């Protein structure tokens, strides 16, 4: 992706991926056209290596594309919002959009063994509904085995990461008004206001 140096913040990639786990997995289909699957991913650190774990329905052809062409792209989108020119002290400006996003180049390894899939699903469940782990373990075995048979799990080894934090860092004259506007806005705008504080663009109120 286009990544000007003043928006390049790789140090925030892991935080963004964990806070916004619903990703877009992008591969090429057999005709070479991009094929996209939205899915939640669990991030695991193995030393310095980042690994993403997830699964898709067996009826989804995406796993076959990963099997044939293991390298793929994973996109995570953090908070985002419109930015009005009203945040500037002068009128010779144009509106824009602010956002935080992570792009990961990955290499996929498919996991089809039932026991291994069951083991992989537990961290993802624990990320979002820890209480469900006990419920899952209490379900009839024929039901859980049928559910596991209906999905293909995979590990995505991250080969490279790009993290774009586009918060008008290069326009300091806009920061105070921009923060005030976002702090009074909706959930996504409020999240951007907090990121501005965390990045030191403005002082905490």
N, C-alpha and C. Protein backbone atom coordinates (compact mmCIF):
# COMPACT_ATOMS: atom_id res chain seq x y z
N UNK A 1 0.84 -1.19 0.00
CA UNK A 1 0.00 0.00 0.00
C UNK A 1 0.88 1.25 0.00
N UNK A 2 0.30 2.35 -0.41
CA UNK A 2 1.01 3.62 -0.39
C UNK A 2 1.24 4.02 1.06
N UNK A 3 2.49 4.25 1.43
CA UNK A 3 2.83 4.46 2.83
C UNK A 3 3.88 5.56 2.98
N UNK A 4 3.44 6.84 2.99
CA UNK A 4 4.39 7.93 3.24
C UNK A 4 5.06 7.75 4.59
N UNK A 5 6.29 8.21 4.71
CA UNK A 5 7.07 7.98 5.92
C UNK A 5 6.41 8.53 7.17
N UNK A 6 5.69 9.67 7.05
CA UNK A 6 5.09 10.26 8.25
C UNK A 6 3.85 9.50 8.72
N UNK A 7 3.36 8.54 7.93
CA UNK A 7 2.24 7.70 8.36
C UNK A 7 2.69 6.27 8.69
N UNK A 8 3.97 6.01 8.60
CA UNK A 8 4.50 4.66 8.79
C UNK A 8 4.79 4.40 10.27
N UNK A 9 3.98 3.54 10.90
CA UNK A 9 4.13 3.27 12.33
C UNK A 9 4.06 1.77 12.60
N UNK A 10 5.09 1.01 12.21
CA UNK A 10 5.04 -0.45 12.40
C UNK A 10 4.94 -0.87 13.86
N UNK A 11 5.35 0.02 14.77
CA UNK A 11 5.33 -0.32 16.20
C UNK A 11 3.91 -0.49 16.74
N UNK A 12 2.91 -0.04 16.00
CA UNK A 12 1.53 -0.15 16.47
C UNK A 12 0.77 -1.30 15.80
N UNK A 13 1.43 -2.05 14.95
CA UNK A 13 0.74 -3.09 14.17
C UNK A 13 0.09 -4.15 15.06
N UNK A 14 0.84 -4.69 16.02
CA UNK A 14 0.32 -5.77 16.86
C UNK A 14 -0.90 -5.31 17.65
N UNK A 15 -0.81 -4.12 18.24
CA UNK A 15 -1.93 -3.57 19.00
C UNK A 15 -3.18 -3.46 18.13
N UNK A 16 -3.02 -2.93 16.93
CA UNK A 16 -4.17 -2.78 16.04
C UNK A 16 -4.77 -4.12 15.63
N UNK A 17 -3.92 -5.08 15.34
CA UNK A 17 -4.41 -6.39 14.92
C UNK A 17 -5.18 -7.09 16.03
N UNK A 18 -4.72 -6.91 17.26
CA UNK A 18 -5.40 -7.54 18.40
C UNK A 18 -6.70 -6.83 18.74
N UNK A 19 -6.72 -5.51 18.60
CA UNK A 19 -7.92 -4.75 18.95
C UNK A 19 -8.99 -4.82 17.85
N UNK A 20 -8.58 -5.14 16.63
CA UNK A 20 -9.52 -5.20 15.49
C UNK A 20 -9.30 -6.52 14.74
N UNK A 21 -9.70 -7.65 15.35
CA UNK A 21 -9.33 -8.97 14.81
C UNK A 21 -10.08 -9.41 13.57
N UNK A 22 -11.17 -8.72 13.20
CA UNK A 22 -11.87 -9.11 11.98
C UNK A 22 -11.08 -8.61 10.78
N UNK A 23 -10.48 -9.55 10.06
CA UNK A 23 -9.57 -9.20 8.97
C UNK A 23 -10.20 -9.55 7.62
N UNK A 24 -9.57 -9.03 6.57
CA UNK A 24 -9.91 -9.40 5.20
C UNK A 24 -8.75 -10.24 4.66
N UNK A 25 -9.02 -11.51 4.41
CA UNK A 25 -8.01 -12.40 3.84
C UNK A 25 -8.17 -12.37 2.32
N UNK A 26 -7.08 -12.03 1.63
CA UNK A 26 -7.14 -11.83 0.18
C UNK A 26 -6.18 -12.79 -0.52
N UNK A 27 -6.73 -13.60 -1.42
CA UNK A 27 -5.94 -14.49 -2.26
C UNK A 27 -6.40 -14.32 -3.70
N UNK A 28 -5.70 -14.97 -4.61
CA UNK A 28 -6.14 -15.01 -6.00
C UNK A 28 -6.84 -16.34 -6.26
N UNK A 29 -7.98 -16.28 -6.95
CA UNK A 29 -8.67 -17.51 -7.31
C UNK A 29 -7.96 -18.17 -8.50
N UNK A 30 -8.56 -19.21 -9.03
CA UNK A 30 -7.89 -19.97 -10.09
C UNK A 30 -7.81 -19.21 -11.41
N UNK A 31 -8.57 -18.11 -11.51
CA UNK A 31 -8.51 -17.26 -12.70
C UNK A 31 -7.60 -16.05 -12.49
N UNK A 32 -6.99 -15.97 -11.29
CA UNK A 32 -6.09 -14.85 -11.00
C UNK A 32 -6.80 -13.61 -10.50
N UNK A 33 -8.11 -13.73 -10.16
CA UNK A 33 -8.86 -12.58 -9.66
C UNK A 33 -8.87 -12.61 -8.14
N UNK A 34 -8.75 -11.46 -7.47
CA UNK A 34 -8.73 -11.45 -6.00
C UNK A 34 -10.00 -12.06 -5.40
N UNK A 35 -9.81 -12.88 -4.39
CA UNK A 35 -10.90 -13.51 -3.66
C UNK A 35 -10.75 -13.13 -2.20
N UNK A 36 -11.82 -12.60 -1.60
CA UNK A 36 -11.74 -12.02 -0.25
C UNK A 36 -12.67 -12.75 0.70
N UNK A 37 -12.15 -13.07 1.89
CA UNK A 37 -12.96 -13.65 2.96
C UNK A 37 -12.77 -12.83 4.24
N UNK A 38 -13.84 -12.22 4.77
CA UNK A 38 -13.73 -11.58 6.09
C UNK A 38 -13.77 -12.66 7.17
N UNK A 39 -12.86 -12.60 8.12
CA UNK A 39 -12.83 -13.61 9.18
C UNK A 39 -12.02 -13.09 10.38
N UNK A 40 -12.38 -13.52 11.60
CA UNK A 40 -11.60 -13.15 12.77
C UNK A 40 -10.33 -13.99 12.83
N UNK A 41 -9.25 -13.40 13.29
CA UNK A 41 -7.97 -14.11 13.40
C UNK A 41 -7.40 -13.93 14.80
N UNK A 42 -6.81 -14.99 15.30
CA UNK A 42 -6.11 -14.96 16.59
C UNK A 42 -4.64 -14.75 16.34
N UNK A 43 -4.06 -13.76 17.02
CA UNK A 43 -2.64 -13.45 16.84
C UNK A 43 -1.83 -14.12 17.94
N UNK A 44 -0.79 -14.81 17.53
CA UNK A 44 0.10 -15.50 18.46
C UNK A 44 1.54 -15.09 18.17
N UNK A 45 2.28 -14.78 19.21
CA UNK A 45 3.71 -14.47 19.06
C UNK A 45 4.52 -15.71 19.40
N UNK A 46 5.40 -16.10 18.50
CA UNK A 46 6.32 -17.21 18.74
C UNK A 46 7.72 -16.64 18.65
N UNK A 47 8.20 -16.13 19.78
CA UNK A 47 9.42 -15.35 19.76
C UNK A 47 9.15 -14.05 19.02
N UNK A 48 9.89 -13.80 17.95
CA UNK A 48 9.68 -12.61 17.13
C UNK A 48 8.72 -12.86 15.97
N UNK A 49 8.34 -14.13 15.79
CA UNK A 49 7.48 -14.49 14.66
C UNK A 49 6.00 -14.26 14.99
N UNK A 50 5.31 -13.54 14.12
CA UNK A 50 3.87 -13.34 14.26
C UNK A 50 3.14 -14.40 13.46
N UNK A 51 2.19 -15.09 14.11
CA UNK A 51 1.39 -16.12 13.46
C UNK A 51 -0.08 -15.79 13.68
N UNK A 52 -0.87 -15.86 12.63
CA UNK A 52 -2.31 -15.62 12.70
C UNK A 52 -3.04 -16.95 12.49
N UNK A 53 -4.00 -17.23 13.35
CA UNK A 53 -4.74 -18.48 13.26
C UNK A 53 -6.20 -18.19 12.96
N UNK A 54 -6.77 -18.97 12.05
CA UNK A 54 -8.17 -18.78 11.71
C UNK A 54 -8.71 -20.00 10.99
N UNK A 55 -9.94 -19.88 10.52
CA UNK A 55 -10.55 -20.99 9.79
C UNK A 55 -11.67 -20.45 8.90
N UNK A 56 -12.04 -21.23 7.92
CA UNK A 56 -13.18 -20.89 7.07
C UNK A 56 -14.01 -22.16 6.85
N UNK A 57 -15.23 -21.97 6.39
CA UNK A 57 -16.10 -23.11 6.10
C UNK A 57 -15.49 -23.97 5.00
N UNK A 58 -15.69 -25.26 5.11
CA UNK A 58 -15.14 -26.16 4.10
C UNK A 58 -15.74 -25.89 2.72
N UNK A 59 -16.95 -25.35 2.70
CA UNK A 59 -17.57 -25.01 1.43
C UNK A 59 -17.01 -23.76 0.79
N UNK A 60 -16.24 -22.99 1.55
CA UNK A 60 -15.60 -21.78 1.02
C UNK A 60 -14.36 -22.20 0.23
N UNK A 61 -14.27 -21.85 -1.05
CA UNK A 61 -13.11 -22.29 -1.84
C UNK A 61 -11.81 -21.63 -1.45
N UNK A 62 -11.85 -20.67 -0.52
CA UNK A 62 -10.64 -19.93 -0.20
C UNK A 62 -9.51 -20.84 0.29
N UNK A 63 -9.86 -21.87 1.08
CA UNK A 63 -8.81 -22.74 1.60
C UNK A 63 -8.09 -23.49 0.47
N UNK A 64 -8.82 -23.76 -0.61
CA UNK A 64 -8.17 -24.42 -1.75
C UNK A 64 -7.19 -23.47 -2.45
N UNK A 65 -7.54 -22.20 -2.49
CA UNK A 65 -6.63 -21.22 -3.08
C UNK A 65 -5.37 -21.11 -2.22
N UNK A 66 -5.55 -21.15 -0.90
CA UNK A 66 -4.39 -21.12 0.00
C UNK A 66 -3.53 -22.37 -0.17
N UNK A 67 -4.19 -23.47 -0.40
CA UNK A 67 -3.46 -24.73 -0.60
C UNK A 67 -2.62 -24.66 -1.87
N UNK A 68 -3.18 -24.09 -2.94
CA UNK A 68 -2.48 -24.01 -4.22
C UNK A 68 -1.45 -22.88 -4.24
N UNK A 69 -1.80 -21.76 -3.58
CA UNK A 69 -0.95 -20.57 -3.58
C UNK A 69 -0.87 -20.05 -2.15
N UNK A 70 0.06 -20.56 -1.36
CA UNK A 70 0.07 -20.28 0.08
C UNK A 70 0.26 -18.81 0.47
N UNK A 71 0.90 -18.01 -0.38
CA UNK A 71 1.11 -16.61 0.00
C UNK A 71 -0.16 -15.80 -0.26
N UNK A 72 -0.50 -14.98 0.72
CA UNK A 72 -1.74 -14.20 0.65
C UNK A 72 -1.53 -12.88 1.36
N UNK A 73 -2.58 -12.08 1.39
CA UNK A 73 -2.55 -10.77 2.02
C UNK A 73 -3.66 -10.73 3.07
N UNK A 74 -3.35 -10.15 4.23
CA UNK A 74 -4.35 -9.99 5.29
C UNK A 74 -4.42 -8.50 5.64
N UNK A 75 -5.64 -7.96 5.66
CA UNK A 75 -5.85 -6.55 5.94
C UNK A 75 -6.67 -6.38 7.21
N UNK A 76 -6.19 -5.53 8.10
CA UNK A 76 -6.91 -5.18 9.32
C UNK A 76 -7.22 -3.69 9.26
N UNK A 77 -8.47 -3.32 9.55
CA UNK A 77 -8.85 -1.92 9.57
C UNK A 77 -9.20 -1.49 10.99
N UNK A 78 -8.48 -0.47 11.47
CA UNK A 78 -8.77 0.09 12.77
C UNK A 78 -9.80 1.19 12.66
N UNK A 79 -9.84 2.10 13.62
CA UNK A 79 -10.82 3.20 13.56
C UNK A 79 -10.57 4.10 12.36
N UNK A 80 -11.66 4.68 11.82
CA UNK A 80 -11.56 5.53 10.64
C UNK A 80 -12.71 6.52 10.65
N UNK A 81 -12.48 7.69 10.05
CA UNK A 81 -13.53 8.72 10.01
C UNK A 81 -13.16 9.80 9.00
N UNK A 82 -14.18 10.51 8.54
CA UNK A 82 -14.01 11.68 7.69
C UNK A 82 -13.34 12.80 8.48
N UNK A 83 -12.52 13.62 7.80
CA UNK A 83 -11.93 14.80 8.43
C UNK A 83 -12.29 16.03 7.62
N UNK A 84 -12.99 16.95 8.25
CA UNK A 84 -13.43 18.18 7.60
C UNK A 84 -12.31 19.20 7.53
N UNK A 85 -12.38 20.09 6.54
CA UNK A 85 -11.41 21.19 6.45
C UNK A 85 -11.60 22.21 7.56
N UNK A 86 -12.68 22.10 8.32
CA UNK A 86 -12.92 23.05 9.41
C UNK A 86 -11.89 22.96 10.52
N UNK A 87 -11.07 21.91 10.51
CA UNK A 87 -10.05 21.79 11.56
C UNK A 87 -8.84 22.69 11.27
N UNK A 88 -8.79 23.29 10.08
CA UNK A 88 -7.65 24.15 9.71
C UNK A 88 -7.96 25.62 9.99
N UNK A 89 -6.93 26.40 10.27
CA UNK A 89 -7.14 27.84 10.52
C UNK A 89 -7.35 28.64 9.23
N UNK A 90 -7.11 28.05 8.05
CA UNK A 90 -7.29 28.75 6.78
C UNK A 90 -8.19 27.92 5.87
N UNK A 91 -8.60 28.49 4.76
CA UNK A 91 -9.59 27.86 3.90
C UNK A 91 -9.01 27.11 2.70
N UNK A 92 -7.75 27.30 2.40
CA UNK A 92 -7.16 26.67 1.21
C UNK A 92 -6.74 25.23 1.52
N UNK A 93 -7.72 24.41 1.81
CA UNK A 93 -7.49 23.01 2.18
C UNK A 93 -8.52 22.13 1.50
N UNK A 94 -8.29 20.83 1.56
CA UNK A 94 -9.27 19.86 1.05
C UNK A 94 -9.60 18.86 2.16
N UNK A 95 -10.83 18.31 2.15
CA UNK A 95 -11.17 17.30 3.16
C UNK A 95 -10.44 15.99 2.87
N UNK A 96 -10.39 15.12 3.87
CA UNK A 96 -9.72 13.83 3.70
C UNK A 96 -10.36 12.81 4.63
N UNK A 97 -9.74 11.67 4.72
CA UNK A 97 -10.22 10.59 5.59
C UNK A 97 -9.04 10.15 6.45
N UNK A 98 -9.27 9.97 7.73
CA UNK A 98 -8.22 9.48 8.62
C UNK A 98 -8.53 8.02 8.98
N UNK A 99 -7.46 7.24 9.19
CA UNK A 99 -7.67 5.82 9.47
C UNK A 99 -6.37 5.19 9.95
N UNK A 100 -6.53 4.00 10.54
CA UNK A 100 -5.40 3.16 10.93
C UNK A 100 -5.61 1.79 10.31
N UNK A 101 -4.59 1.27 9.67
CA UNK A 101 -4.75 -0.02 9.00
C UNK A 101 -3.43 -0.79 9.02
N UNK A 102 -3.55 -2.10 8.97
CA UNK A 102 -2.38 -2.99 8.92
C UNK A 102 -2.53 -3.91 7.72
N UNK A 103 -1.45 -4.07 6.99
CA UNK A 103 -1.41 -4.99 5.85
C UNK A 103 -0.30 -6.00 6.11
N UNK A 104 -0.66 -7.27 6.12
CA UNK A 104 0.30 -8.34 6.40
C UNK A 104 0.41 -9.28 5.20
N UNK A 105 1.63 -9.51 4.77
CA UNK A 105 1.87 -10.55 3.77
C UNK A 105 2.11 -11.85 4.53
N UNK A 106 1.40 -12.91 4.17
CA UNK A 106 1.45 -14.14 4.95
C UNK A 106 1.68 -15.36 4.08
N UNK A 107 2.09 -16.43 4.75
CA UNK A 107 2.21 -17.74 4.10
C UNK A 107 1.36 -18.73 4.88
N UNK A 108 0.45 -19.40 4.20
CA UNK A 108 -0.54 -20.24 4.87
C UNK A 108 -0.10 -21.69 4.99
N UNK A 109 -0.47 -22.29 6.11
CA UNK A 109 -0.31 -23.72 6.34
C UNK A 109 -1.65 -24.27 6.79
N UNK A 110 -2.26 -25.16 6.01
CA UNK A 110 -3.58 -25.68 6.32
C UNK A 110 -3.52 -26.74 7.41
N UNK A 111 -4.54 -26.74 8.27
CA UNK A 111 -4.64 -27.71 9.36
C UNK A 111 -5.98 -28.42 9.22
N UNK A 112 -5.97 -29.70 8.88
CA UNK A 112 -7.21 -30.43 8.66
C UNK A 112 -7.43 -31.55 9.65
N UNK A 113 -6.44 -31.87 10.47
CA UNK A 113 -6.60 -32.88 11.51
C UNK A 113 -7.61 -32.38 12.55
N UNK A 114 -8.56 -33.25 12.93
CA UNK A 114 -9.63 -32.83 13.84
C UNK A 114 -9.10 -32.34 15.19
N UNK A 115 -8.20 -33.09 15.79
CA UNK A 115 -7.68 -32.71 17.11
C UNK A 115 -6.90 -31.41 17.04
N UNK A 116 -6.12 -31.24 15.97
CA UNK A 116 -5.34 -30.01 15.81
C UNK A 116 -6.25 -28.81 15.58
N UNK A 117 -7.33 -29.01 14.83
CA UNK A 117 -8.29 -27.92 14.61
C UNK A 117 -8.96 -27.53 15.92
N UNK A 118 -9.34 -28.51 16.70
CA UNK A 118 -9.99 -28.25 17.99
C UNK A 118 -9.05 -27.43 18.89
N UNK A 119 -7.78 -27.80 18.89
CA UNK A 119 -6.79 -27.09 19.70
C UNK A 119 -6.62 -25.65 19.22
N UNK A 120 -6.67 -25.44 17.92
CA UNK A 120 -6.49 -24.10 17.36
C UNK A 120 -7.69 -23.20 17.62
N UNK A 121 -8.89 -23.79 17.68
CA UNK A 121 -10.09 -22.97 17.87
C UNK A 121 -10.19 -22.40 19.28
N UNK A 122 -9.61 -23.06 20.24
CA UNK A 122 -9.76 -22.62 21.64
C UNK A 122 -9.23 -21.21 21.90
N UNK A 123 -8.04 -20.84 21.41
CA UNK A 123 -7.58 -19.47 21.64
C UNK A 123 -8.49 -18.42 21.00
N UNK A 124 -9.04 -18.73 19.83
CA UNK A 124 -9.94 -17.79 19.17
C UNK A 124 -11.22 -17.61 19.98
N UNK A 125 -11.74 -18.72 20.52
CA UNK A 125 -12.92 -18.64 21.39
C UNK A 125 -12.58 -17.83 22.63
N UNK A 126 -11.41 -18.10 23.21
CA UNK A 126 -11.00 -17.40 24.43
C UNK A 126 -10.84 -15.90 24.21
N UNK A 127 -10.50 -15.50 23.00
CA UNK A 127 -10.36 -14.06 22.69
C UNK A 127 -11.69 -13.33 22.84
N UNK A 128 -12.80 -14.00 22.53
CA UNK A 128 -14.08 -13.30 22.40
C UNK A 128 -15.18 -13.81 23.32
N UNK A 129 -15.11 -15.07 23.75
CA UNK A 129 -16.16 -15.62 24.61
C UNK A 129 -15.59 -16.77 25.44
N UNK A 130 -14.73 -16.44 26.42
CA UNK A 130 -14.06 -17.50 27.20
C UNK A 130 -15.02 -18.50 27.83
N UNK A 131 -16.20 -18.03 28.21
CA UNK A 131 -17.15 -18.93 28.86
C UNK A 131 -17.63 -20.04 27.93
N UNK A 132 -17.55 -19.80 26.63
CA UNK A 132 -18.03 -20.79 25.67
C UNK A 132 -17.13 -22.03 25.62
N UNK A 133 -15.89 -21.90 26.07
CA UNK A 133 -14.98 -23.05 26.04
C UNK A 133 -15.59 -24.22 26.79
N UNK A 134 -16.12 -23.96 27.99
CA UNK A 134 -16.72 -25.03 28.79
C UNK A 134 -17.97 -25.57 28.11
N UNK A 135 -18.75 -24.69 27.50
CA UNK A 135 -19.96 -25.14 26.80
C UNK A 135 -19.60 -26.05 25.63
N UNK A 136 -18.57 -25.65 24.87
CA UNK A 136 -18.12 -26.45 23.73
C UNK A 136 -17.68 -27.84 24.19
N UNK A 137 -16.93 -27.88 25.28
CA UNK A 137 -16.44 -29.17 25.78
C UNK A 137 -17.56 -30.06 26.28
N UNK A 138 -18.70 -29.45 26.66
CA UNK A 138 -19.83 -30.23 27.16
C UNK A 138 -20.80 -30.70 26.09
N UNK A 139 -20.58 -30.29 24.85
CA UNK A 139 -21.46 -30.69 23.76
C UNK A 139 -21.21 -32.14 23.36
N UNK A 140 -22.21 -32.82 22.80
CA UNK A 140 -22.00 -34.21 22.37
C UNK A 140 -20.85 -34.32 21.36
N UNK A 141 -20.08 -35.38 21.49
CA UNK A 141 -18.89 -35.52 20.65
C UNK A 141 -19.24 -35.61 19.17
N UNK A 142 -20.36 -36.27 18.84
CA UNK A 142 -20.71 -36.37 17.42
C UNK A 142 -21.02 -35.00 16.83
N UNK A 143 -21.56 -34.09 17.68
CA UNK A 143 -21.86 -32.73 17.21
C UNK A 143 -20.57 -31.94 17.00
N UNK A 144 -19.66 -31.98 17.98
CA UNK A 144 -18.42 -31.21 17.85
C UNK A 144 -17.56 -31.74 16.72
N UNK A 145 -17.55 -33.04 16.52
CA UNK A 145 -16.77 -33.59 15.42
C UNK A 145 -17.34 -33.18 14.07
N UNK A 146 -18.67 -33.12 13.98
CA UNK A 146 -19.30 -32.68 12.73
C UNK A 146 -18.99 -31.22 12.46
N UNK A 147 -19.00 -30.39 13.52
CA UNK A 147 -18.68 -28.98 13.36
C UNK A 147 -17.22 -28.80 12.91
N UNK A 148 -16.31 -29.56 13.51
CA UNK A 148 -14.90 -29.48 13.14
C UNK A 148 -14.67 -29.95 11.70
N UNK A 149 -15.43 -30.96 11.31
CA UNK A 149 -15.28 -31.48 9.94
C UNK A 149 -15.76 -30.47 8.91
N UNK A 150 -16.59 -29.53 9.34
CA UNK A 150 -17.15 -28.55 8.41
C UNK A 150 -16.28 -27.33 8.19
N UNK A 151 -15.10 -27.27 8.83
CA UNK A 151 -14.21 -26.12 8.65
C UNK A 151 -12.81 -26.59 8.29
N UNK A 152 -12.07 -25.70 7.67
CA UNK A 152 -10.64 -25.91 7.43
C UNK A 152 -9.90 -24.81 8.18
N UNK A 153 -9.02 -25.21 9.05
CA UNK A 153 -8.24 -24.25 9.84
C UNK A 153 -6.91 -23.98 9.15
N UNK A 154 -6.31 -22.86 9.49
CA UNK A 154 -5.01 -22.55 8.90
C UNK A 154 -4.23 -21.62 9.81
N UNK A 155 -2.91 -21.73 9.71
CA UNK A 155 -2.00 -20.79 10.34
C UNK A 155 -1.38 -19.93 9.25
N UNK A 156 -1.33 -18.64 9.50
CA UNK A 156 -0.78 -17.70 8.55
C UNK A 156 0.49 -17.10 9.15
N UNK A 157 1.63 -17.54 8.64
CA UNK A 157 2.91 -17.01 9.10
C UNK A 157 3.14 -15.65 8.45
N UNK A 158 3.31 -14.62 9.28
CA UNK A 158 3.46 -13.27 8.75
C UNK A 158 4.89 -13.09 8.21
N UNK A 159 4.98 -12.77 6.93
CA UNK A 159 6.27 -12.56 6.28
C UNK A 159 6.70 -11.10 6.35
N UNK A 160 5.73 -10.19 6.31
CA UNK A 160 6.03 -8.76 6.42
C UNK A 160 4.78 -8.03 6.88
N UNK A 161 5.00 -6.88 7.54
CA UNK A 161 3.90 -6.10 8.09
C UNK A 161 4.08 -4.64 7.71
N UNK A 162 2.99 -4.01 7.28
CA UNK A 162 2.96 -2.56 7.11
C UNK A 162 1.83 -2.01 7.96
N UNK A 163 2.10 -0.93 8.67
CA UNK A 163 1.09 -0.31 9.52
C UNK A 163 1.00 1.17 9.17
N UNK A 164 -0.17 1.58 8.72
CA UNK A 164 -0.38 2.98 8.32
C UNK A 164 -1.28 3.67 9.34
N UNK A 165 -0.76 4.70 9.96
CA UNK A 165 -1.52 5.51 10.91
C UNK A 165 -1.66 6.89 10.28
N UNK A 166 -2.80 7.15 9.69
CA UNK A 166 -3.02 8.40 8.94
C UNK A 166 -3.88 9.34 9.80
N UNK A 167 -3.22 10.16 10.59
CA UNK A 167 -3.91 11.06 11.52
C UNK A 167 -3.45 12.51 11.35
N UNK A 168 -3.09 12.87 10.12
CA UNK A 168 -2.70 14.25 9.82
C UNK A 168 -1.48 14.70 10.65
N UNK A 169 -0.58 13.74 10.91
CA UNK A 169 0.60 14.06 11.72
C UNK A 169 1.41 15.21 11.15
N UNK A 170 1.42 15.32 9.81
CA UNK A 170 2.24 16.33 9.14
C UNK A 170 1.56 17.70 9.08
N UNK A 171 0.40 17.84 9.70
CA UNK A 171 -0.32 19.12 9.70
C UNK A 171 -0.64 19.51 11.15
N UNK A 172 0.38 19.88 11.93
CA UNK A 172 0.16 20.15 13.36
C UNK A 172 -0.81 21.29 13.63
N UNK A 173 -0.98 22.20 12.68
CA UNK A 173 -1.91 23.30 12.88
C UNK A 173 -3.37 22.83 12.99
N UNK A 174 -3.62 21.58 12.59
CA UNK A 174 -4.99 21.05 12.64
C UNK A 174 -5.28 20.23 13.89
N UNK A 175 -4.26 19.89 14.65
CA UNK A 175 -4.41 18.85 15.66
C UNK A 175 -5.41 19.18 16.77
N UNK A 176 -5.35 20.38 17.32
CA UNK A 176 -6.21 20.71 18.45
C UNK A 176 -7.68 20.68 18.03
N UNK A 177 -8.01 21.35 16.91
CA UNK A 177 -9.39 21.38 16.44
C UNK A 177 -9.85 19.99 16.00
N UNK A 178 -8.96 19.25 15.38
CA UNK A 178 -9.28 17.90 14.93
C UNK A 178 -9.61 17.00 16.12
N UNK A 179 -8.79 17.08 17.17
CA UNK A 179 -9.03 16.27 18.37
C UNK A 179 -10.35 16.66 19.02
N UNK A 180 -10.63 17.93 19.12
CA UNK A 180 -11.88 18.38 19.73
C UNK A 180 -13.08 17.86 18.95
N UNK A 181 -13.00 17.91 17.63
CA UNK A 181 -14.11 17.44 16.80
C UNK A 181 -14.31 15.93 16.95
N UNK A 182 -13.21 15.18 16.93
CA UNK A 182 -13.32 13.73 17.05
C UNK A 182 -13.78 13.32 18.45
N UNK A 183 -13.32 14.01 19.48
CA UNK A 183 -13.68 13.65 20.85
C UNK A 183 -15.17 13.80 21.10
N UNK A 184 -15.84 14.65 20.31
CA UNK A 184 -17.27 14.87 20.46
C UNK A 184 -18.10 14.04 19.48
N UNK A 185 -17.43 13.21 18.71
CA UNK A 185 -18.10 12.45 17.67
C UNK A 185 -18.57 11.09 18.13
N UNK A 186 -18.75 10.19 17.13
CA UNK A 186 -19.22 8.83 17.40
C UNK A 186 -18.04 7.95 17.84
N UNK A 187 -18.34 6.66 18.01
CA UNK A 187 -17.35 5.74 18.59
C UNK A 187 -16.04 5.73 17.83
N UNK A 188 -16.09 5.64 16.51
CA UNK A 188 -14.86 5.56 15.72
C UNK A 188 -14.07 6.87 15.84
N UNK A 189 -14.77 7.98 15.81
CA UNK A 189 -14.10 9.28 15.93
C UNK A 189 -13.46 9.43 17.31
N UNK A 190 -14.16 8.98 18.35
CA UNK A 190 -13.60 9.04 19.70
C UNK A 190 -12.35 8.17 19.82
N UNK A 191 -12.36 7.03 19.12
CA UNK A 191 -11.18 6.16 19.12
C UNK A 191 -9.99 6.87 18.46
N UNK A 192 -10.26 7.60 17.37
CA UNK A 192 -9.20 8.36 16.71
C UNK A 192 -8.68 9.48 17.61
N UNK A 193 -9.58 10.12 18.36
CA UNK A 193 -9.16 11.16 19.30
C UNK A 193 -8.21 10.58 20.34
N UNK A 194 -8.50 9.37 20.82
CA UNK A 194 -7.63 8.74 21.80
C UNK A 194 -6.27 8.39 21.19
N UNK A 195 -6.28 7.93 19.94
CA UNK A 195 -5.01 7.64 19.27
C UNK A 195 -4.17 8.91 19.12
N UNK A 196 -4.82 10.05 18.89
CA UNK A 196 -4.07 11.30 18.79
C UNK A 196 -3.36 11.62 20.10
N UNK A 197 -4.03 11.33 21.21
CA UNK A 197 -3.40 11.53 22.53
C UNK A 197 -2.25 10.53 22.71
N UNK A 198 -2.51 9.27 22.38
CA UNK A 198 -1.50 8.21 22.56
C UNK A 198 -0.25 8.48 21.73
N UNK A 199 -0.42 9.09 20.54
CA UNK A 199 0.71 9.38 19.68
C UNK A 199 1.41 10.70 20.05
N UNK A 200 0.84 11.42 21.01
CA UNK A 200 1.45 12.67 21.44
C UNK A 200 1.16 13.83 20.52
N UNK A 201 0.14 13.71 19.66
CA UNK A 201 -0.21 14.82 18.77
C UNK A 201 -0.91 15.93 19.54
N UNK A 202 -1.63 15.55 20.59
CA UNK A 202 -2.26 16.52 21.48
C UNK A 202 -2.10 16.03 22.90
N UNK A 203 -2.26 16.92 23.85
CA UNK A 203 -2.20 16.53 25.26
C UNK A 203 -3.56 15.98 25.70
N UNK A 204 -3.53 15.08 26.66
CA UNK A 204 -4.77 14.54 27.19
C UNK A 204 -5.57 15.65 27.85
N UNK A 205 -6.90 15.69 27.65
CA UNK A 205 -7.71 16.74 28.24
C UNK A 205 -7.68 16.68 29.77
